[in-house]
PDB file of N, CA and C in Angstrom:
ATOM      1  N   MET A   1       0.829  -1.235  -0.143  1.00  0.00           N
ATOM      2  CA  MET A   1       0.070   0.029  -0.020  1.00  0.00           C
ATOM      3  C   MET A   1       0.975   1.243   0.056  1.00  0.00           C
ATOM      4  N   ASN A   2       0.537   2.130  -0.892  1.00  0.00           N
ATOM      5  CA  ASN A   2       1.291   3.388  -0.993  1.00  0.00           C
ATOM      6  C   ASN A   2       0.522   4.464  -0.029  1.00  0.00           C
ATOM      7  N   GLN A   3       1.045   5.685  -0.004  1.00  0.00           N
ATOM      8  CA  GLN A   3       0.461   6.724   0.825  1.00  0.00           C
ATOM      9  C   GLN A   3      -1.015   7.085   0.270  1.00  0.00           C
ATOM     10  N   GLU A   4      -1.083   7.102  -1.016  1.00  0.00           N
ATOM     11  CA  GLU A   4      -2.317   7.605  -1.726  1.00  0.00           C
ATOM     12  C   GLU A   4      -3.519   6.623  -1.362  1.00  0.00           C
ATOM     13  N   ASP A   5      -3.165   5.377  -1.256  1.00  0.00           N
ATOM     14  CA  ASP A   5      -4.279   4.409  -0.832  1.00  0.00           C
ATOM     15  C   ASP A   5      -4.703   4.511   0.543  1.00  0.00           C
ATOM     16  N   VAL A   6      -3.747   4.727   1.556  1.00  0.00           N
ATOM     17  CA  VAL A   6      -3.884   5.108   2.882  1.00  0.00           C
ATOM     18  C   VAL A   6      -4.734   6.242   3.013  1.00  0.00           C
ATOM     19  N   ASP A   7      -4.528   7.373   2.367  1.00  0.00           N
ATOM     20  CA  ASP A   7      -5.347   8.559   2.431  1.00  0.00           C
ATOM     21  C   ASP A   7      -6.731   8.414   1.847  1.00  0.00           C
ATOM     22  N   LYS A   8      -6.840   7.587   0.724  1.00  0.00           N
ATOM     23  CA  LYS A   8      -8.280   7.326   0.268  1.00  0.00           C
ATOM     24  C   LYS A   8      -8.997   6.599   1.275  1.00  0.00           C
ATOM     25  N   ILE A   9      -8.452   5.687   1.870  1.00  0.00           N
ATOM     26  CA  ILE A   9      -9.167   4.917   2.936  1.00  0.00           C
ATOM     27  C   ILE A   9      -9.657   5.806   4.058  1.00  0.00           C
ATOM     28  N   ILE A  10      -8.741   6.494   4.439  1.00  0.00           N
ATOM     29  CA  ILE A  10      -8.990   7.557   5.679  1.00  0.00           C
ATOM     30  C   ILE A  10     -10.084   8.514   5.331  1.00  0.00           C
ATOM     31  N   ALA A  11      -9.978   9.160   4.065  1.00  0.00           N
ATOM     32  CA  ALA A  11     -11.083   9.901   3.613  1.00  0.00           C
ATOM     33  C   ALA A  11     -12.349   9.260   3.486  1.00  0.00           C
ATOM     34  N   GLU A  12     -12.491   8.052   3.126  1.00  0.00           N
ATOM     35  CA  GLU A  12     -13.724   7.439   2.996  1.00  0.00           C
ATOM     36  C   GLU A  12     -14.242   6.949   4.342  1.00  0.00           C
ATOM     37  N   ALA A  13     -13.512   6.817   5.138  1.00  0.00           N
ATOM     38  CA  ALA A  13     -13.742   6.432   6.657  1.00  0.00           C
ATOM     39  C   ALA A  13     -14.331   7.736   7.297  1.00  0.00           C
ATOM     40  N   VAL A  14     -13.888   8.742   6.997  1.00  0.00           N
ATOM     41  CA  VAL A  14     -14.222  10.152   7.605  1.00  0.00           C
ATOM     42  C   VAL A  14     -15.487  10.367   7.125  1.00  0.00           C
ATOM     43  N   ALA A  15     -15.798  10.349   5.714  1.00  0.00           N
ATOM     44  CA  ALA A  15     -16.983  10.651   5.234  1.00  0.00           C
ATOM     45  C   ALA A  15     -18.153   9.854   5.631  1.00  0.00           C
ATOM     46  N   GLU A  16     -17.782   8.471   5.769  1.00  0.00           N
ATOM     47  CA  GLU A  16     -18.915   7.764   6.216  1.00  0.00           C
ATOM     48  C   GLU A  16     -19.315   7.995   7.806  1.00  0.00           C
ATOM     49  N   SER A  17     -18.259   8.373   8.476  1.00  0.00           N
ATOM     50  CA  SER A  17     -18.652   8.558   9.860  1.00  0.00           C
ATOM     51  C   SER A  17     -19.526   9.879  10.098  1.00  0.00           C
ATOM     52  N   LYS A  18     -19.294  10.867   9.280  1.00  0.00           N
ATOM     53  CA  LYS A  18     -19.970  11.879   9.190  1.00  0.00           C
ATOM     54  C   LYS A  18     -21.409  11.589   8.811  1.00  0.00           C
ATOM     55  N   ASN A  19     -21.581  10.999   7.875  1.00  0.00           N
ATOM     56  CA  ASN A  19     -22.967  10.655   7.251  1.00  0.00           C
ATOM     57  C   ASN A  19     -23.753   9.798   8.528  1.00  0.00           C
ATOM     58  N   GLU A  20     -22.989   8.832   9.123  1.00  0.00           N
ATOM     59  CA  GLU A  20     -23.727   8.131  10.446  1.00  0.00           C
ATOM     60  C   GLU A  20     -23.936   9.222  11.463  1.00  0.00           C
ATOM     61  N   SER A  21     -23.218  10.098  11.690  1.00  0.00           N
ATOM     62  CA  SER A  21     -23.432  11.163  12.792  1.00  0.00           C
ATOM     63  C   SER A  21     -24.701  11.936  12.432  1.00  0.00           C
ATOM     64  N   LYS A  22     -24.711  12.367  11.255  1.00  0.00           N
ATOM     65  CA  LYS A  22     -25.735  13.081  10.867  1.00  0.00           C
ATOM     66  C   LYS A  22     -27.056  12.262  10.881  1.00  0.00           C
ATOM     67  N   LYS A  23     -27.199  11.121  10.448  1.00  0.00           N
ATOM     68  CA  LYS A  23     -28.290  10.197  10.591  1.00  0.00           C
ATOM     69  C   LYS A  23     -28.937  10.120  12.030  1.00  0.00           C
ATOM     70  N   LYS A  24     -27.694  10.153  13.061  1.00  0.00           N
ATOM     71  CA  LYS A  24     -28.040   9.573  14.348  1.00  0.00           C
ATOM     72  C   LYS A  24     -28.604  10.960  15.056  1.00  0.00           C
ATOM     73  N   TRP A  25     -28.197  12.100  14.829  1.00  0.00           N
ATOM     74  CA  TRP A  25     -28.469  13.365  15.696  1.00  0.00           C
ATOM     75  C   TRP A  25     -29.462  14.232  15.000  1.00  0.00           C
ATOM     76  N   HIS A  26     -29.388  14.170  13.503  1.00  0.00           N
ATOM     77  CA  HIS A  26     -30.281  15.162  12.698  1.00  0.00           C
ATOM     78  C   HIS A  26     -31.335  14.441  12.051  1.00  0.00           C
ATOM     79  N   LYS A  27     -32.503  14.080  12.778  1.00  0.00           N
ATOM     80  CA  LYS A  27     -33.270  13.326  12.032  1.00  0.00           C
ATOM     81  C   LYS A  27     -34.103  13.958  10.902  1.00  0.00           C
ATOM     82  N   GLY A  28     -34.381  15.205  11.111  1.00  0.00           N
ATOM     83  CA  GLY A  28     -35.063  16.084   9.856  1.00  0.00           C
ATOM     84  C   GLY A  28     -35.802  15.309   9.008  1.00  0.00           C
ATOM     85  N   LYS A  29     -35.454  15.353   7.712  1.00  0.00           N
ATOM     86  CA  LYS A  29     -36.191  14.854   6.643  1.00  0.00           C
ATOM     87  C   LYS A  29     -36.308  13.197   6.801  1.00  0.00           C
ATOM     88  N   SER A  30     -35.565  12.728   7.590  1.00  0.00           N
ATOM     89  CA  SER A  30     -35.515  11.402   7.563  1.00  0.00           C
ATOM     90  C   SER A  30     -36.493  10.625   8.297  1.00  0.00           C
ATOM     91  N   SER A  31     -37.219  11.523   9.130  1.00  0.00           N
ATOM     92  CA  SER A  31     -38.294  10.804   9.903  1.00  0.00           C
ATOM     93  C   SER A  31     -39.339  10.421   9.027  1.00  0.00           C
ATOM     94  N   SER A  32     -40.156   9.535   9.370  1.00  0.00           N
ATOM     95  CA  SER A  32     -41.320   9.002   8.417  1.00  0.00           C
ATOM     96  C   SER A  32     -42.429  10.095   8.195  1.00  0.00           C
ATOM     97  N   ASN A  33     -43.015   9.766   7.178  1.00  0.00           N
ATOM     98  CA  ASN A  33     -43.987  10.793   6.611  1.00  0.00           C
ATOM     99  C   ASN A  33     -45.019  10.551   7.357  1.00  0.00           C
ATOM    100  N   SER A  34     -45.504   9.530   7.931  1.00  0.00           N
ATOM    101  CA  SER A  34     -46.843   9.421   8.744  1.00  0.00           C
ATOM    102  C   SER A  34     -46.660  10.265   9.925  1.00  0.00           C
ATOM    103  N   VAL A  35     -45.409  10.190  10.663  1.00  0.00           N
ATOM    104  CA  VAL A  35     -45.195  10.789  11.885  1.00  0.00           C
ATOM    105  C   VAL A  35     -45.168  12.368  11.622  1.00  0.00           C
ATOM    106  N   ALA A  36     -44.548  12.981  10.457  1.00  0.00           N
ATOM    107  CA  ALA A  36     -44.668  14.277  10.307  1.00  0.00           C
ATOM    108  C   ALA A  36     -45.999  14.725  10.077  1.00  0.00           C
ATOM    109  N   ASN A  37     -46.847  13.791   9.401  1.00  0.00           N
ATOM    110  CA  ASN A  37     -48.262  14.392   9.000  1.00  0.00           C
ATOM    111  C   ASN A  37     -49.152  14.313  10.473  1.00  0.00           C
ATOM    112  N   THR A  38     -48.820  13.468  11.087  1.00  0.00           N
ATOM    113  CA  THR A  38     -49.426  13.345  12.575  1.00  0.00           C
ATOM    114  C   THR A  38     -49.054  14.599  13.311  1.00  0.00           C
ATOM    115  N   ARG A  39     -47.868  14.997  13.441  1.00  0.00           N
ATOM    116  CA  ARG A  39     -47.471  16.118  14.273  1.00  0.00           C
ATOM    117  C   ARG A  39     -47.983  17.377  13.574  1.00  0.00           C
ATOM    118  N   ARG A  40     -48.342  17.451  12.354  1.00  0.00           N
ATOM    119  CA  ARG A  40     -48.693  18.597  11.772  1.00  0.00           C
ATOM    120  C   ARG A  40     -50.273  18.889  12.020  1.00  0.00           C
ATOM    121  N   ILE A  41     -50.999  17.602  11.907  1.00  0.00           N
ATOM    122  CA  ILE A  41     -52.324  17.730  12.393  1.00  0.00           C
ATOM    123  C   ILE A  41     -52.534  18.067  13.899  1.00  0.00           C
ATOM    124  N   LEU A  42     -51.888  17.332  14.613  1.00  0.00           N
ATOM    125  CA  LEU A  42     -51.832  17.824  16.252  1.00  0.00           C
ATOM    126  C   LEU A  42     -51.477  19.143  16.439  1.00  0.00           C
ATOM    127  N   ASN A  43     -50.471  19.831  15.690  1.00  0.00           N
ATOM    128  CA  ASN A  43     -50.068  21.368  15.736  1.00  0.00           C
ATOM    129  C   ASN A  43     -51.390  22.023  15.516  1.00  0.00           C
ATOM    130  N   TRP A  44     -51.870  21.674  14.426  1.00  0.00           N
ATOM    131  CA  TRP A  44     -53.113  22.467  13.926  1.00  0.00           C
ATOM    132  C   TRP A  44     -54.456  22.300  15.015  1.00  0.00           C
ATOM    133  N   VAL A  45     -54.634  21.083  15.530  1.00  0.00           N
ATOM    134  CA  VAL A  45     -55.553  20.910  16.601  1.00  0.00           C
ATOM    135  C   VAL A  45     -55.217  21.917  17.713  1.00  0.00           C
ATOM    136  N   PHE A  46     -53.863  21.887  18.146  1.00  0.00           N
ATOM    137  CA  PHE A  46     -53.480  22.673  19.414  1.00  0.00           C
ATOM    138  C   PHE A  46     -54.026  24.315  19.059  1.00  0.00           C
ATOM    139  N   MET A  47     -53.485  24.685  18.014  1.00  0.00           N
ATOM    140  CA  MET A  47     -53.843  26.108  17.711  1.00  0.00           C
ATOM    141  C   MET A  47     -55.258  26.391  17.584  1.00  0.00           C
ATOM    142  N   ILE A  48     -56.012  25.399  17.042  1.00  0.00           N
ATOM    143  CA  ILE A  48     -57.464  25.873  17.039  1.00  0.00           C
ATOM    144  C   ILE A  48     -57.845  25.724  18.555  1.00  0.00           C
ATOM    145  N   GLY A  49     -57.505  24.668  19.204  1.00  0.00           N
ATOM    146  CA  GLY A  49     -57.799  24.764  20.669  1.00  0.00           C
ATOM    147  C   GLY A  49     -57.485  25.945  21.413  1.00  0.00           C
ATOM    148  N   PHE A  50     -56.379  26.396  21.418  1.00  0.00           N
ATOM    149  CA  PHE A  50     -55.834  27.782  21.892  1.00  0.00           C
ATOM    150  C   PHE A  50     -56.708  28.945  21.611  1.00  0.00           C
ATOM    151  N   VAL A  51     -56.833  29.036  20.458  1.00  0.00           N
ATOM    152  CA  VAL A  51     -57.747  30.238  19.837  1.00  0.00           C
ATOM    153  C   VAL A  51     -59.104  29.935  20.659  1.00  0.00           C
ATOM    154  N   ALA A  52     -59.639  28.919  20.669  1.00  0.00           N
ATOM    155  CA  ALA A  52     -61.089  28.603  21.169  1.00  0.00           C
ATOM    156  C   ALA A  52     -61.069  28.854  22.650  1.00  0.00           C
ATOM    157  N   ALA A  53     -60.089  28.490  23.293  1.00  0.00           N
ATOM    158  CA  ALA A  53     -59.796  28.833  24.737  1.00  0.00           C
ATOM    159  C   ALA A  53     -59.831  30.327  25.008  1.00  0.00           C
ATOM    160  N   VAL A  54     -59.096  31.150  24.129  1.00  0.00           N
ATOM    161  CA  VAL A  54     -58.999  32.648  24.447  1.00  0.00           C
ATOM    162  C   VAL A  54     -60.290  33.367  24.064  1.00  0.00           C
ATOM    163  N   VAL A  55     -61.089  32.672  22.990  1.00  0.00           N
ATOM    164  CA  VAL A  55     -62.481  33.195  22.666  1.00  0.00           C
ATOM    165  C   VAL A  55     -63.396  33.034  23.826  1.00  0.00           C
ATOM    166  N   ILE A  56     -63.334  31.681  24.474  1.00  0.00           N
ATOM    167  CA  ILE A  56     -64.164  31.384  25.381  1.00  0.00           C
ATOM    168  C   ILE A  56     -64.093  32.227  26.595  1.00  0.00           C
ATOM    169  N   TYR A  57     -62.567  32.562  26.853  1.00  0.00           N
ATOM    170  CA  TYR A  57     -62.283  33.366  28.230  1.00  0.00           C
ATOM    171  C   TYR A  57     -62.956  34.674  27.904  1.00  0.00           C
ATOM    172  N   PHE A  58     -63.124  35.426  26.796  1.00  0.00           N
ATOM    173  CA  PHE A  58     -63.529  36.785  26.673  1.00  0.00           C
ATOM    174  C   PHE A  58     -65.029  36.773  26.277  1.00  0.00           C
ATOM    175  N   VAL A  59     -65.377  35.870  25.730  1.00  0.00           N
ATOM    176  CA  VAL A  59     -66.751  35.843  25.211  1.00  0.00           C
ATOM    177  C   VAL A  59     -67.824  35.185  26.268  1.00  0.00           C
ATOM    178  N   LEU A  60     -67.253  34.258  26.977  1.00  0.00           N
ATOM    179  CA  LEU A  60     -67.965  33.688  28.036  1.00  0.00           C
ATOM    180  C   LEU A  60     -67.307  33.798  29.421  1.00  0.00           C
ATOM    181  N   PRO A  61     -67.195  34.733  30.054  1.00  0.00           N
ATOM    182  CA  PRO A  61     -66.217  34.939  31.198  1.00  0.00           C
ATOM    183  C   PRO A  61     -66.850  34.182  32.419  1.00  0.00           C
ATOM    184  N   GLU A  62     -68.175  33.895  32.613  1.00  0.00           N
ATOM    185  CA  GLU A  62     -68.542  32.877  33.468  1.00  0.00           C
ATOM    186  C   GLU A  62     -68.512  31.206  33.408  1.00  0.00           C
ATOM    187  N   GLN A  63     -67.942  31.013  32.149  1.00  0.00           N
ATOM    188  CA  GLN A  63     -67.767  29.611  32.059  1.00  0.00           C
ATOM    189  C   GLN A  63     -66.340  29.284  32.078  1.00  0.00           C
ATOM    190  N   ARG A  64     -65.742  29.369  33.444  1.00  0.00           N
ATOM    191  CA  ARG A  64     -64.459  29.041  33.711  1.00  0.00           C
ATOM    192  C   ARG A  64     -64.059  27.552  33.457  1.00  0.00           C
ATOM    193  N   ILE A  65     -65.054  26.663  33.907  1.00  0.00           N
ATOM    194  CA  ILE A  65     -64.800  25.306  33.601  1.00  0.00           C
ATOM    195  C   ILE A  65     -64.543  24.804  31.977  1.00  0.00           C
ATOM    196  N   LEU A  66     -65.369  25.391  31.316  1.00  0.00           N
ATOM    197  CA  LEU A  66     -65.408  25.266  29.706  1.00  0.00           C
ATOM    198  C   LEU A  66     -63.979  25.644  29.229  1.00  0.00           C
ATOM    199  N   PHE A  67     -63.535  26.954  29.663  1.00  0.00           N
ATOM    200  CA  PHE A  67     -62.188  27.465  29.516  1.00  0.00           C
ATOM    201  C   PHE A  67     -61.099  26.827  29.888  1.00  0.00           C
ATOM    202  N   PHE A  68     -61.151  26.155  31.167  1.00  0.00           N
ATOM    203  CA  PHE A  68     -59.998  25.413  31.505  1.00  0.00           C
ATOM    204  C   PHE A  68     -60.101  23.860  30.777  1.00  0.00           C
ATOM    205  N   SER A  69     -60.909  23.649  30.603  1.00  0.00           N
ATOM    206  CA  SER A  69     -61.283  22.202  29.871  1.00  0.00           C
ATOM    207  C   SER A  69     -60.494  22.206  28.370  1.00  0.00           C
ATOM    208  N   VAL A  70     -61.038  23.401  27.653  1.00  0.00           N
ATOM    209  CA  VAL A  70     -60.502  23.450  26.320  1.00  0.00           C
ATOM    210  C   VAL A  70     -58.942  23.845  26.348  1.00  0.00           C
ATOM    211  N   GLY A  71     -58.603  24.769  27.426  1.00  0.00           N
ATOM    212  CA  GLY A  71     -57.192  25.144  27.387  1.00  0.00           C
ATOM    213  C   GLY A  71     -56.201  23.911  27.882  1.00  0.00           C
ATOM    214  N   PHE A  72     -56.679  23.368  28.901  1.00  0.00           N
ATOM    215  CA  PHE A  72     -55.861  22.043  29.089  1.00  0.00           C
ATOM    216  C   PHE A  72     -55.912  20.784  28.154  1.00  0.00           C
ATOM    217  N   GLY A  73     -56.998  20.788  27.534  1.00  0.00           N
ATOM    218  CA  GLY A  73     -57.034  19.815  26.292  1.00  0.00           C
ATOM    219  C   GLY A  73     -56.192  20.304  25.037  1.00  0.00           C
ATOM    220  N   ALA A  74     -55.941  21.428  25.001  1.00  0.00           N
ATOM    221  CA  ALA A  74     -55.098  21.884  23.869  1.00  0.00           C
ATOM    222  C   ALA A  74     -53.628  21.704  24.332  1.00  0.00           C
ATOM    223  N   ILE A  75     -53.338  21.868  25.484  1.00  0.00           N
ATOM    224  CA  ILE A  75     -51.925  21.674  26.100  1.00  0.00           C
ATOM    225  C   ILE A  75     -51.618  20.248  25.920  1.00  0.00           C
ATOM    226  N   ALA A  76     -52.674  19.408  26.131  1.00  0.00           N
ATOM    227  CA  ALA A  76     -52.396  17.924  26.247  1.00  0.00           C
ATOM    228  C   ALA A  76     -52.095  17.441  24.880  1.00  0.00           C
ATOM    229  N   VAL A  77     -52.818  18.174  23.836  1.00  0.00           N
ATOM    230  CA  VAL A  77     -52.506  17.690  22.326  1.00  0.00           C
ATOM    231  C   VAL A  77     -51.110  18.221  22.054  1.00  0.00           C
ATOM    232  N   LYS A  78     -50.529  19.430  22.538  1.00  0.00           N
ATOM    233  CA  LYS A  78     -49.433  19.858  22.265  1.00  0.00           C
ATOM    234  C   LYS A  78     -48.307  19.009  22.990  1.00  0.00           C
ATOM    235  N   LEU A  79     -48.511  18.420  24.101  1.00  0.00           N
ATOM    236  CA  LEU A  79     -47.527  17.601  24.789  1.00  0.00           C
ATOM    237  C   LEU A  79     -47.503  16.451  23.870  1.00  0.00           C
ATOM    238  N   VAL A  80     -48.610  15.741  23.509  1.00  0.00           N
ATOM    239  CA  VAL A  80     -48.439  14.533  22.429  1.00  0.00           C
ATOM    240  C   VAL A  80     -47.442  14.848  21.349  1.00  0.00           C
ATOM    241  N   GLU A  81     -47.845  16.086  20.734  1.00  0.00           N
ATOM    242  CA  GLU A  81     -47.068  16.326  19.507  1.00  0.00           C
ATOM    243  C   GLU A  81     -45.666  16.515  20.022  1.00  0.00           C
ATOM    244  N   PHE A  82     -45.270  17.123  20.930  1.00  0.00           N
ATOM    245  CA  PHE A  82     -43.835  17.389  21.582  1.00  0.00           C
ATOM    246  C   PHE A  82     -43.219  15.878  21.714  1.00  0.00           C
ATOM    247  N   TYR A  83     -43.841  15.106  22.143  1.00  0.00           N
ATOM    248  CA  TYR A  83     -43.328  13.626  22.440  1.00  0.00           C
ATOM    249  C   TYR A  83     -43.246  13.072  21.043  1.00  0.00           C
ATOM    250  N   LEU A  84     -43.954  13.290  20.112  1.00  0.00           N
ATOM    251  CA  LEU A  84     -43.768  12.765  18.954  1.00  0.00           C
ATOM    252  C   LEU A  84     -42.406  13.304  17.964  1.00  0.00           C
ATOM    253  N   ARG A  85     -42.239  14.449  18.384  1.00  0.00           N
ATOM    254  CA  ARG A  85     -41.261  15.288  17.850  1.00  0.00           C
ATOM    255  C   ARG A  85     -40.004  14.690  18.133  1.00  0.00           C
ATOM    256  N   PHE A  86     -39.553  14.359  19.407  1.00  0.00           N
ATOM    257  CA  PHE A  86     -38.308  13.877  20.023  1.00  0.00           C
ATOM    258  C   PHE A  86     -38.344  12.390  19.869  1.00  0.00           C
ATOM    259  N   MET A  87     -39.206  11.674  19.862  1.00  0.00           N
ATOM    260  CA  MET A  87     -39.106  10.350  20.056  1.00  0.00           C
ATOM    261  C   MET A  87     -39.112   9.449  18.614  1.00  0.00           C
ATOM    262  N   PHE A  88     -39.721  10.270  17.616  1.00  0.00           N
ATOM    263  CA  PHE A  88     -39.575   9.666  16.346  1.00  0.00           C
ATOM    264  C   PHE A  88     -38.913  10.252  15.264  1.00  0.00           C
TER     265      PHE A  88
END
């Protein structure tokens, strides 16, 4: 083996190591499409629930139980979406 062959093997090993590192830590677009769609839907449900809670707070001030139910429901949906973001 000459120096050029050794340099080539080292360069290939470094490139492969970088690709594996990116796959391990940066899921990005490599996550499954169904999880991304589920997260998108849950995010929209959260936003709608949040807006509904704000509207209920100002339009129906005597309905505190409804306000808290819708608000905490929206937060629960956001927690599920948060879990999906980091687990899959």
